[in-house]
PDB file of N, CA and C in Angstrom:
ATOM      1  N   MET A   1      27.427  38.691  -8.290  1.00  0.00           N
ATOM      2  CA  MET A   1      28.709  38.062  -8.032  1.00  0.00           C
ATOM      3  C   MET A   1      29.702  39.100  -7.532  1.00  0.00           C
ATOM      4  N   GLY A   2      29.339  40.292  -7.527  1.00  0.00           N
ATOM      5  CA  GLY A   2      30.040  41.385  -6.877  1.00  0.00           C
ATOM      6  C   GLY A   2      31.537  41.484  -7.071  1.00  0.00           C
ATOM      7  N   GLY A   3      32.023  41.699  -8.212  1.00  0.00           N
ATOM      8  CA  GLY A   3      33.439  41.995  -8.408  1.00  0.00           C
ATOM      9  C   GLY A   3      34.359  40.779  -8.382  1.00  0.00           C
ATOM     10  N   GLN A   4      33.830  39.558  -8.282  1.00  0.00           N
ATOM     11  CA  GLN A   4      34.681  38.368  -8.313  1.00  0.00           C
ATOM     12  C   GLN A   4      35.080  38.056  -9.745  1.00  0.00           C
ATOM     13  N   THR A   5      36.275  37.531  -9.869  1.00  0.00           N
ATOM     14  CA  THR A   5      36.697  37.066 -11.186  1.00  0.00           C
ATOM     15  C   THR A   5      36.037  35.718 -11.459  1.00  0.00           C
ATOM     16  N   ARG A   6      36.101  35.258 -12.690  1.00  0.00           N
ATOM     17  CA  ARG A   6      35.503  33.968 -13.016  1.00  0.00           C
ATOM     18  C   ARG A   6      36.171  32.837 -12.233  1.00  0.00           C
ATOM     19  N   ILE A   7      37.489  32.886 -12.111  1.00  0.00           N
ATOM     20  CA  ILE A   7      38.189  31.840 -11.364  1.00  0.00           C
ATOM     21  C   ILE A   7      37.834  31.917  -9.882  1.00  0.00           C
ATOM     22  N   GLY A   8      37.630  33.106  -9.366  1.00  0.00           N
ATOM     23  CA  GLY A   8      37.227  33.270  -7.976  1.00  0.00           C
ATOM     24  C   GLY A   8      35.858  32.668  -7.713  1.00  0.00           C
ATOM     25  N   ARG A   9      34.912  32.888  -8.625  1.00  0.00           N
ATOM     26  CA  ARG A   9      33.572  32.299  -8.493  1.00  0.00           C
ATOM     27  C   ARG A   9      33.647  30.784  -8.560  1.00  0.00           C
ATOM     28  N   TRP A  10      34.494  30.273  -9.462  1.00  0.00           N
ATOM     29  CA  TRP A  10      34.637  28.828  -9.599  1.00  0.00           C
ATOM     30  C   TRP A  10      35.209  28.228  -8.317  1.00  0.00           C
ATOM     31  N   GLU A  11      36.230  28.856  -7.759  1.00  0.00           N
ATOM     32  CA  GLU A  11      36.846  28.322  -6.548  1.00  0.00           C
ATOM     33  C   GLU A  11      35.888  28.360  -5.354  1.00  0.00           C
ATOM     34  N   THR A  12      35.036  29.367  -5.250  1.00  0.00           N
ATOM     35  CA  THR A  12      34.080  29.425  -4.144  1.00  0.00           C
ATOM     36  C   THR A  12      33.008  28.368  -4.296  1.00  0.00           C
ATOM     37  N   GLY A  13      32.634  28.019  -5.487  1.00  0.00           N
ATOM     38  CA  GLY A  13      31.611  27.004  -5.706  1.00  0.00           C
ATOM     39  C   GLY A  13      32.142  25.584  -5.671  1.00  0.00           C
ATOM     40  N   ARG A  14      33.444  25.433  -5.640  1.00  0.00           N
ATOM     41  CA  ARG A  14      34.066  24.113  -5.649  1.00  0.00           C
ATOM     42  C   ARG A  14      33.861  23.433  -4.303  1.00  0.00           C
ATOM     43  N   ILE A  15      33.545  22.166  -4.315  1.00  0.00           N
ATOM     44  CA  ILE A  15      33.292  21.433  -3.076  1.00  0.00           C
ATOM     45  C   ILE A  15      34.598  21.072  -2.374  1.00  0.00           C
ATOM     46  N   ALA A  16      35.530  20.490  -3.077  1.00  0.00           N
ATOM     47  CA  ALA A  16      36.793  20.069  -2.459  1.00  0.00           C
ATOM     48  C   ALA A  16      37.891  20.068  -3.508  1.00  0.00           C
ATOM     49  N   GLN A  17      39.104  20.059  -3.042  1.00  0.00           N
ATOM     50  CA  GLN A  17      40.262  19.971  -3.935  1.00  0.00           C
ATOM     51  C   GLN A  17      40.330  18.548  -4.490  1.00  0.00           C
ATOM     52  N   LEU A  18      40.357  18.419  -5.788  1.00  0.00           N
ATOM     53  CA  LEU A  18      40.445  17.106  -6.399  1.00  0.00           C
ATOM     54  C   LEU A  18      41.851  16.543  -6.211  1.00  0.00           C
ATOM     55  N   PRO A  19      41.957  15.256  -5.899  1.00  0.00           N
ATOM     56  CA  PRO A  19      43.285  14.663  -5.730  1.00  0.00           C
ATOM     57  C   PRO A  19      43.994  14.561  -7.080  1.00  0.00           C
ATOM     58  N   LEU A  20      45.294  14.781  -7.070  1.00  0.00           N
ATOM     59  CA  LEU A  20      46.079  14.654  -8.289  1.00  0.00           C
ATOM     60  C   LEU A  20      46.398  13.190  -8.539  1.00  0.00           C
ATOM     61  N   LEU A  21      46.428  12.812  -9.795  1.00  0.00           N
ATOM     62  CA  LEU A  21      46.781  11.446 -10.153  1.00  0.00           C
ATOM     63  C   LEU A  21      48.290  11.269 -10.089  1.00  0.00           C
ATOM     64  N   SER A  22      48.706  10.070  -9.704  1.00  0.00           N
ATOM     65  CA  SER A  22      50.133   9.767  -9.749  1.00  0.00           C
ATOM     66  C   SER A  22      50.539   9.584 -11.215  1.00  0.00           C
ATOM     67  N   GLU A  23      51.815   9.540 -11.462  1.00  0.00           N
ATOM     68  CA  GLU A  23      52.295   9.382 -12.843  1.00  0.00           C
ATOM     69  C   GLU A  23      51.833   8.049 -13.423  1.00  0.00           C
ATOM     70  N   TRP A  24      51.841   6.988 -12.604  1.00  0.00           N
ATOM     71  CA  TRP A  24      51.401   5.667 -13.052  1.00  0.00           C
ATOM     72  C   TRP A  24      49.908   5.676 -13.380  1.00  0.00           C
ATOM     73  N   GLU A  25      49.085   6.296 -12.538  1.00  0.00           N
ATOM     74  CA  GLU A  25      47.646   6.378 -12.781  1.00  0.00           C
ATOM     75  C   GLU A  25      47.349   7.172 -14.045  1.00  0.00           C
ATOM     76  N   LEU A  26      48.101   8.232 -14.277  1.00  0.00           N
ATOM     77  CA  LEU A  26      47.919   9.026 -15.490  1.00  0.00           C
ATOM     78  C   LEU A  26      48.301   8.220 -16.723  1.00  0.00           C
ATOM     79  N   ASP A  27      49.385   7.447 -16.640  1.00  0.00           N
ATOM     80  CA  ASP A  27      49.771   6.583 -17.755  1.00  0.00           C
ATOM     81  C   ASP A  27      48.658   5.600 -18.092  1.00  0.00           C
ATOM     82  N   ILE A  28      48.045   5.015 -17.070  1.00  0.00           N
ATOM     83  CA  ILE A  28      46.956   4.051 -17.289  1.00  0.00           C
ATOM     84  C   ILE A  28      45.766   4.730 -17.959  1.00  0.00           C
ATOM     85  N   CYS A  29      45.437   5.933 -17.520  1.00  0.00           N
ATOM     86  CA  CYS A  29      44.305   6.666 -18.113  1.00  0.00           C
ATOM     87  C   CYS A  29      44.545   6.985 -19.586  1.00  0.00           C
ATOM     88  N   LEU A  30      45.794   7.186 -19.968  1.00  0.00           N
ATOM     89  CA  LEU A  30      46.114   7.558 -21.341  1.00  0.00           C
ATOM     90  C   LEU A  30      46.333   6.364 -22.264  1.00  0.00           C
ATOM     91  N   MET A  31      46.319   5.149 -21.711  1.00  0.00           N
ATOM     92  CA  MET A  31      46.511   3.952 -22.532  1.00  0.00           C
ATOM     93  C   MET A  31      45.258   3.687 -23.365  1.00  0.00           C
ATOM     94  N   ARG A  32      45.441   2.981 -24.459  1.00  0.00           N
ATOM     95  CA  ARG A  32      44.302   2.549 -25.269  1.00  0.00           C
ATOM     96  C   ARG A  32      43.547   1.474 -24.513  1.00  0.00           C
ATOM     97  N   GLN A  33      42.288   1.330 -24.843  1.00  0.00           N
ATOM     98  CA  GLN A  33      41.431   0.395 -24.120  1.00  0.00           C
ATOM     99  C   GLN A  33      40.628  -0.436 -25.106  1.00  0.00           C
ATOM    100  N   GLU A  34      40.554  -1.727 -24.857  1.00  0.00           N
ATOM    101  CA  GLU A  34      39.729  -2.633 -25.666  1.00  0.00           C
ATOM    102  C   GLU A  34      39.085  -3.662 -24.759  1.00  0.00           C
ATOM    103  N   ARG A  35      37.946  -4.188 -25.195  1.00  0.00           N
ATOM    104  CA  ARG A  35      37.249  -5.231 -24.431  1.00  0.00           C
ATOM    105  C   ARG A  35      37.472  -6.579 -25.107  1.00  0.00           C
ATOM    106  N   ARG A  36      37.627  -7.595 -24.284  1.00  0.00           N
ATOM    107  CA  ARG A  36      37.768  -8.965 -24.759  1.00  0.00           C
ATOM    108  C   ARG A  36      36.985  -9.889 -23.840  1.00  0.00           C
ATOM    109  N   THR A  37      36.671 -11.072 -24.350  1.00  0.00           N
ATOM    110  CA  THR A  37      36.014 -12.100 -23.558  1.00  0.00           C
ATOM    111  C   THR A  37      37.044 -13.169 -23.215  1.00  0.00           C
ATOM    112  N   VAL A  38      37.045 -13.606 -21.961  1.00  0.00           N
ATOM    113  CA  VAL A  38      37.958 -14.667 -21.527  1.00  0.00           C
ATOM    114  C   VAL A  38      37.351 -16.001 -21.957  1.00  0.00           C
ATOM    115  N   TYR A  39      38.137 -16.814 -22.647  1.00  0.00           N
ATOM    116  CA  TYR A  39      37.665 -18.113 -23.117  1.00  0.00           C
ATOM    117  C   TYR A  39      37.626 -19.133 -21.990  1.00  0.00           C
ATOM    118  N   ARG A  40      36.954 -20.254 -22.270  1.00  0.00           N
ATOM    119  CA  ARG A  40      36.677 -21.258 -21.250  1.00  0.00           C
ATOM    120  C   ARG A  40      37.924 -21.749 -20.522  1.00  0.00           C
ATOM    121  N   SER A  41      39.005 -21.959 -21.187  1.00  0.00           N
ATOM    122  CA  SER A  41      40.200 -22.480 -20.526  1.00  0.00           C
ATOM    123  C   SER A  41      41.041 -21.375 -19.876  1.00  0.00           C
ATOM    124  N   GLY A  42      40.509 -20.150 -19.802  1.00  0.00           N
ATOM    125  CA  GLY A  42      41.200 -19.077 -19.097  1.00  0.00           C
ATOM    126  C   GLY A  42      42.211 -18.320 -19.925  1.00  0.00           C
ATOM    127  N   TYR A  43      41.958 -18.191 -21.222  1.00  0.00           N
ATOM    128  CA  TYR A  43      42.873 -17.390 -22.040  1.00  0.00           C
ATOM    129  C   TYR A  43      42.088 -16.367 -22.833  1.00  0.00           C
ATOM    130  N   LEU A  44      42.796 -15.384 -23.367  1.00  0.00           N
ATOM    131  CA  LEU A  44      42.181 -14.394 -24.244  1.00  0.00           C
ATOM    132  C   LEU A  44      43.111 -14.100 -25.391  1.00  0.00           C
ATOM    133  N   GLN A  45      42.547 -13.548 -26.457  1.00  0.00           N
ATOM    134  CA  GLN A  45      43.327 -13.222 -27.642  1.00  0.00           C
ATOM    135  C   GLN A  45      43.363 -11.720 -27.825  1.00  0.00           C
ATOM    136  N   PHE A  46      44.562 -11.236 -28.177  1.00  0.00           N
ATOM    137  CA  PHE A  46      44.757  -9.807 -28.395  1.00  0.00           C
ATOM    138  C   PHE A  46      45.961  -9.613 -29.300  1.00  0.00           C
ATOM    139  N   ALA A  47      45.820  -8.799 -30.318  1.00  0.00           N
ATOM    140  CA  ALA A  47      46.900  -8.466 -31.261  1.00  0.00           C
ATOM    141  C   ALA A  47      47.561  -9.719 -31.833  1.00  0.00           C
ATOM    142  N   ASN A  48      46.731 -10.668 -32.277  1.00  0.00           N
ATOM    143  CA  ASN A  48      47.194 -11.934 -32.855  1.00  0.00           C
ATOM    144  C   ASN A  48      48.026 -12.763 -31.892  1.00  0.00           C
ATOM    145  N   LEU A  49      47.865 -12.530 -30.596  1.00  0.00           N
ATOM    146  CA  LEU A  49      48.545 -13.303 -29.562  1.00  0.00           C
ATOM    147  C   LEU A  49      47.507 -13.884 -28.622  1.00  0.00           C
ATOM    148  N   SER A  50      47.827 -15.011 -28.032  1.00  0.00           N
ATOM    149  CA  SER A  50      46.972 -15.605 -27.005  1.00  0.00           C
ATOM    150  C   SER A  50      47.693 -15.503 -25.676  1.00  0.00           C
ATOM    151  N   ASP A  51      46.954 -15.165 -24.635  1.00  0.00           N
ATOM    152  CA  ASP A  51      47.538 -15.044 -23.304  1.00  0.00           C
ATOM    153  C   ASP A  51      46.739 -15.896 -22.347  1.00  0.00           C
ATOM    154  N   GLN A  52      47.437 -16.724 -21.594  1.00  0.00           N
ATOM    155  CA  GLN A  52      46.778 -17.544 -20.589  1.00  0.00           C
ATOM    156  C   GLN A  52      47.508 -17.293 -19.280  1.00  0.00           C
ATOM    157  N   GLY A  53      46.764 -16.836 -18.288  1.00  0.00           N
ATOM    158  CA  GLY A  53      47.359 -16.539 -16.999  1.00  0.00           C
ATOM    159  C   GLY A  53      46.633 -17.260 -15.887  1.00  0.00           C
ATOM    160  N   GLU A  54      47.305 -17.415 -14.760  1.00  0.00           N
ATOM    161  CA  GLU A  54      46.703 -18.136 -13.640  1.00  0.00           C
ATOM    162  C   GLU A  54      45.468 -17.431 -13.101  1.00  0.00           C
ATOM    163  N   HIS A  55      45.398 -16.112 -13.226  1.00  0.00           N
ATOM    164  CA  HIS A  55      44.255 -15.357 -12.721  1.00  0.00           C
ATOM    165  C   HIS A  55      43.077 -15.338 -13.694  1.00  0.00           C
ATOM    166  N   LEU A  56      43.320 -15.662 -14.954  1.00  0.00           N
ATOM    167  CA  LEU A  56      42.243 -15.609 -15.944  1.00  0.00           C
ATOM    168  C   LEU A  56      41.285 -16.783 -15.866  1.00  0.00           C
ATOM    169  N   ALA A  57      41.721 -17.920 -15.343  1.00  0.00           N
ATOM    170  CA  ALA A  57      40.903 -19.137 -15.341  1.00  0.00           C
ATOM    171  C   ALA A  57      39.574 -18.940 -14.617  1.00  0.00           C
ATOM    172  N   GLY A  58      39.544 -18.166 -13.567  1.00  0.00           N
ATOM    173  CA  GLY A  58      38.313 -17.947 -12.819  1.00  0.00           C
ATOM    174  C   GLY A  58      37.338 -16.997 -13.481  1.00  0.00           C
ATOM    175  N   TYR A  59      37.721 -16.393 -14.603  1.00  0.00           N
ATOM    176  CA  TYR A  59      36.879 -15.407 -15.280  1.00  0.00           C
ATOM    177  C   TYR A  59      36.413 -15.877 -16.652  1.00  0.00           C
ATOM    178  N   ALA A  60      36.351 -17.186 -16.856  1.00  0.00           N
ATOM    179  CA  ALA A  60      35.923 -17.726 -18.150  1.00  0.00           C
ATOM    180  C   ALA A  60      34.532 -17.207 -18.497  1.00  0.00           C
ATOM    181  N   GLY A  61      34.368 -16.678 -19.696  1.00  0.00           N
ATOM    182  CA  GLY A  61      33.110 -16.124 -20.165  1.00  0.00           C
ATOM    183  C   GLY A  61      32.901 -14.666 -19.790  1.00  0.00           C
ATOM    184  N   ALA A  62      33.757 -14.102 -18.962  1.00  0.00           N
ATOM    185  CA  ALA A  62      33.591 -12.713 -18.504  1.00  0.00           C
ATOM    186  C   ALA A  62      34.184 -11.730 -19.513  1.00  0.00           C
ATOM    187  N   GLN A  63      33.600 -10.543 -19.556  1.00  0.00           N
ATOM    188  CA  GLN A  63      34.151  -9.445 -20.353  1.00  0.00           C
ATOM    189  C   GLN A  63      35.219  -8.755 -19.514  1.00  0.00           C
ATOM    190  N   VAL A  64      36.386  -8.537 -20.104  1.00  0.00           N
ATOM    191  CA  VAL A  64      37.461  -7.829 -19.416  1.00  0.00           C
ATOM    192  C   VAL A  64      37.888  -6.629 -20.255  1.00  0.00           C
ATOM    193  N   VAL A  65      38.528  -5.667 -19.611  1.00  0.00           N
ATOM    194  CA  VAL A  65      39.030  -4.484 -20.292  1.00  0.00           C
ATOM    195  C   VAL A  65      40.552  -4.580 -20.328  1.00  0.00           C
ATOM    196  N   LEU A  66      41.116  -4.428 -21.518  1.00  0.00           N
ATOM    197  CA  LEU A  66      42.565  -4.428 -21.686  1.00  0.00           C
ATOM    198  C   LEU A  66      43.024  -2.995 -21.865  1.00  0.00           C
ATOM    199  N   ARG A  67      44.089  -2.635 -21.203  1.00  0.00           N
ATOM    200  CA  ARG A  67      44.719  -1.326 -21.413  1.00  0.00           C
ATOM    201  C   ARG A  67      46.150  -1.578 -21.845  1.00  0.00           C
ATOM    202  N   TYR A  68      46.580  -0.850 -22.890  1.00  0.00           N
ATOM    203  CA  TYR A  68      47.902  -1.088 -23.459  1.00  0.00           C
ATOM    204  C   TYR A  68      48.399   0.155 -24.166  1.00  0.00           C
ATOM    205  N   ASN A  69      49.700   0.203 -24.348  1.00  0.00           N
ATOM    206  CA  ASN A  69      50.329   1.247 -25.128  1.00  0.00           C
ATOM    207  C   ASN A  69      50.532   0.684 -26.534  1.00  0.00           C
ATOM    208  N   PRO A  70      49.941   1.275 -27.561  1.00  0.00           N
ATOM    209  CA  PRO A  70      50.049   0.698 -28.913  1.00  0.00           C
ATOM    210  C   PRO A  70      51.475   0.665 -29.453  1.00  0.00           C
ATOM    211  N   ARG A  71      52.356   1.481 -28.912  1.00  0.00           N
ATOM    212  CA  ARG A  71      53.759   1.462 -29.363  1.00  0.00           C
ATOM    213  C   ARG A  71      54.580   0.381 -28.680  1.00  0.00           C
ATOM    214  N   ASP A  72      54.051  -0.191 -27.579  1.00  0.00           N
ATOM    215  CA  ASP A  72      54.776  -1.217 -26.833  1.00  0.00           C
ATOM    216  C   ASP A  72      53.760  -2.134 -26.165  1.00  0.00           C
ATOM    217  N   ILE A  73      53.399  -3.234 -26.827  1.00  0.00           N
ATOM    218  CA  ILE A  73      52.371  -4.104 -26.264  1.00  0.00           C
ATOM    219  C   ILE A  73      52.973  -5.215 -25.405  1.00  0.00           C
ATOM    220  N   THR A  74      54.187  -5.024 -24.910  1.00  0.00           N
ATOM    221  CA  THR A  74      54.770  -6.018 -24.019  1.00  0.00           C
ATOM    222  C   THR A  74      54.100  -6.006 -22.652  1.00  0.00           C
ATOM    223  N   THR A  75      53.394  -4.933 -22.315  1.00  0.00           N
ATOM    224  CA  THR A  75      52.649  -4.858 -21.062  1.00  0.00           C
ATOM    225  C   THR A  75      51.187  -4.583 -21.385  1.00  0.00           C
ATOM    226  N   VAL A  76      50.329  -5.519 -20.995  1.00  0.00           N
ATOM    227  CA  VAL A  76      48.891  -5.368 -21.175  1.00  0.00           C
ATOM    228  C   VAL A  76      48.263  -5.502 -19.793  1.00  0.00           C
ATOM    229  N   LEU A  77      47.506  -4.501 -19.379  1.00  0.00           N
ATOM    230  CA  LEU A  77      46.824  -4.532 -18.092  1.00  0.00           C
ATOM    231  C   LEU A  77      45.398  -5.008 -18.310  1.00  0.00           C
ATOM    232  N   ILE A  78      44.920  -5.895 -17.431  1.00  0.00           N
ATOM    233  CA  ILE A  78      43.600  -6.492 -17.589  1.00  0.00           C
ATOM    234  C   ILE A  78      42.737  -6.112 -16.394  1.00  0.00           C
ATOM    235  N   TRP A  79      41.539  -5.567 -16.685  1.00  0.00           N
ATOM    236  CA  TRP A  79      40.577  -5.188 -15.645  1.00  0.00           C
ATOM    237  C   TRP A  79      39.320  -6.018 -15.807  1.00  0.00           C
ATOM    238  N   VAL A  80      38.795  -6.520 -14.690  1.00  0.00           N
ATOM    239  CA  VAL A  80      37.523  -7.224 -14.708  1.00  0.00           C
ATOM    240  C   VAL A  80      36.395  -6.215 -14.687  1.00  0.00           C
ATOM    241  N   GLY A  81      36.494  -5.209 -13.820  1.00  0.00           N
ATOM    242  CA  GLY A  81      35.517  -4.124 -13.778  1.00  0.00           C
ATOM    243  C   GLY A  81      36.161  -2.905 -14.395  1.00  0.00           C
ATOM    244  N   GLU A  82      35.595  -1.747 -14.142  1.00  0.00           N
ATOM    245  CA  GLU A  82      36.164  -0.514 -14.689  1.00  0.00           C
ATOM    246  C   GLU A  82      37.396  -0.047 -13.914  1.00  0.00           C
ATOM    247  N   CYS A  83      37.507  -0.425 -12.651  1.00  0.00           N
ATOM    248  CA  CYS A  83      38.580   0.124 -11.830  1.00  0.00           C
ATOM    249  C   CYS A  83      39.469  -0.903 -11.165  1.00  0.00           C
ATOM    250  N   GLU A  84      39.119  -2.165 -11.191  1.00  0.00           N
ATOM    251  CA  GLU A  84      39.844  -3.159 -10.420  1.00  0.00           C
ATOM    252  C   GLU A  84      40.792  -3.957 -11.298  1.00  0.00           C
ATOM    253  N   PRO A  85      42.132  -3.809 -11.114  1.00  0.00           N
ATOM    254  CA  PRO A  85      43.063  -4.598 -11.921  1.00  0.00           C
ATOM    255  C   PRO A  85      42.992  -6.069 -11.545  1.00  0.00           C
ATOM    256  N   LEU A  86      43.085  -6.942 -12.512  1.00  0.00           N
ATOM    257  CA  LEU A  86      43.026  -8.377 -12.293  1.00  0.00           C
ATOM    258  C   LEU A  86      44.299  -8.844 -11.604  1.00  0.00           C
ATOM    259  N   GLY A  87      44.149  -9.639 -10.569  1.00  0.00           N
ATOM    260  CA  GLY A  87      45.297 -10.223  -9.892  1.00  0.00           C
ATOM    261  C   GLY A  87      45.779  -9.413  -8.711  1.00  0.00           C
ATOM    262  N   ASN A  88      45.211  -8.254  -8.426  1.00  0.00           N
ATOM    263  CA  ASN A  88      45.634  -7.448  -7.271  1.00  0.00           C
ATOM    264  C   ASN A  88      44.632  -7.543  -6.166  1.00  0.00           C
TER     265      ASN A  88
END
């Protein structure tokens, strides 16, 4: 490795610069995550609450991922897959 520092060796072996996450994307990554099943009439239950939305009706029986901040559950984000937000 001829006199290179560890960080120098790492940078030479790196394929590309990784993109930085936006503040919103970082917030989403740090949120808690839980899985729920969408019920037949298009609603789901979470934290002793039921939520029925216009976009949920087409996903009856599907597993969805909820992301939320445990200190403020007024906003719950719902994902059908690992990366695709529901309704966008």
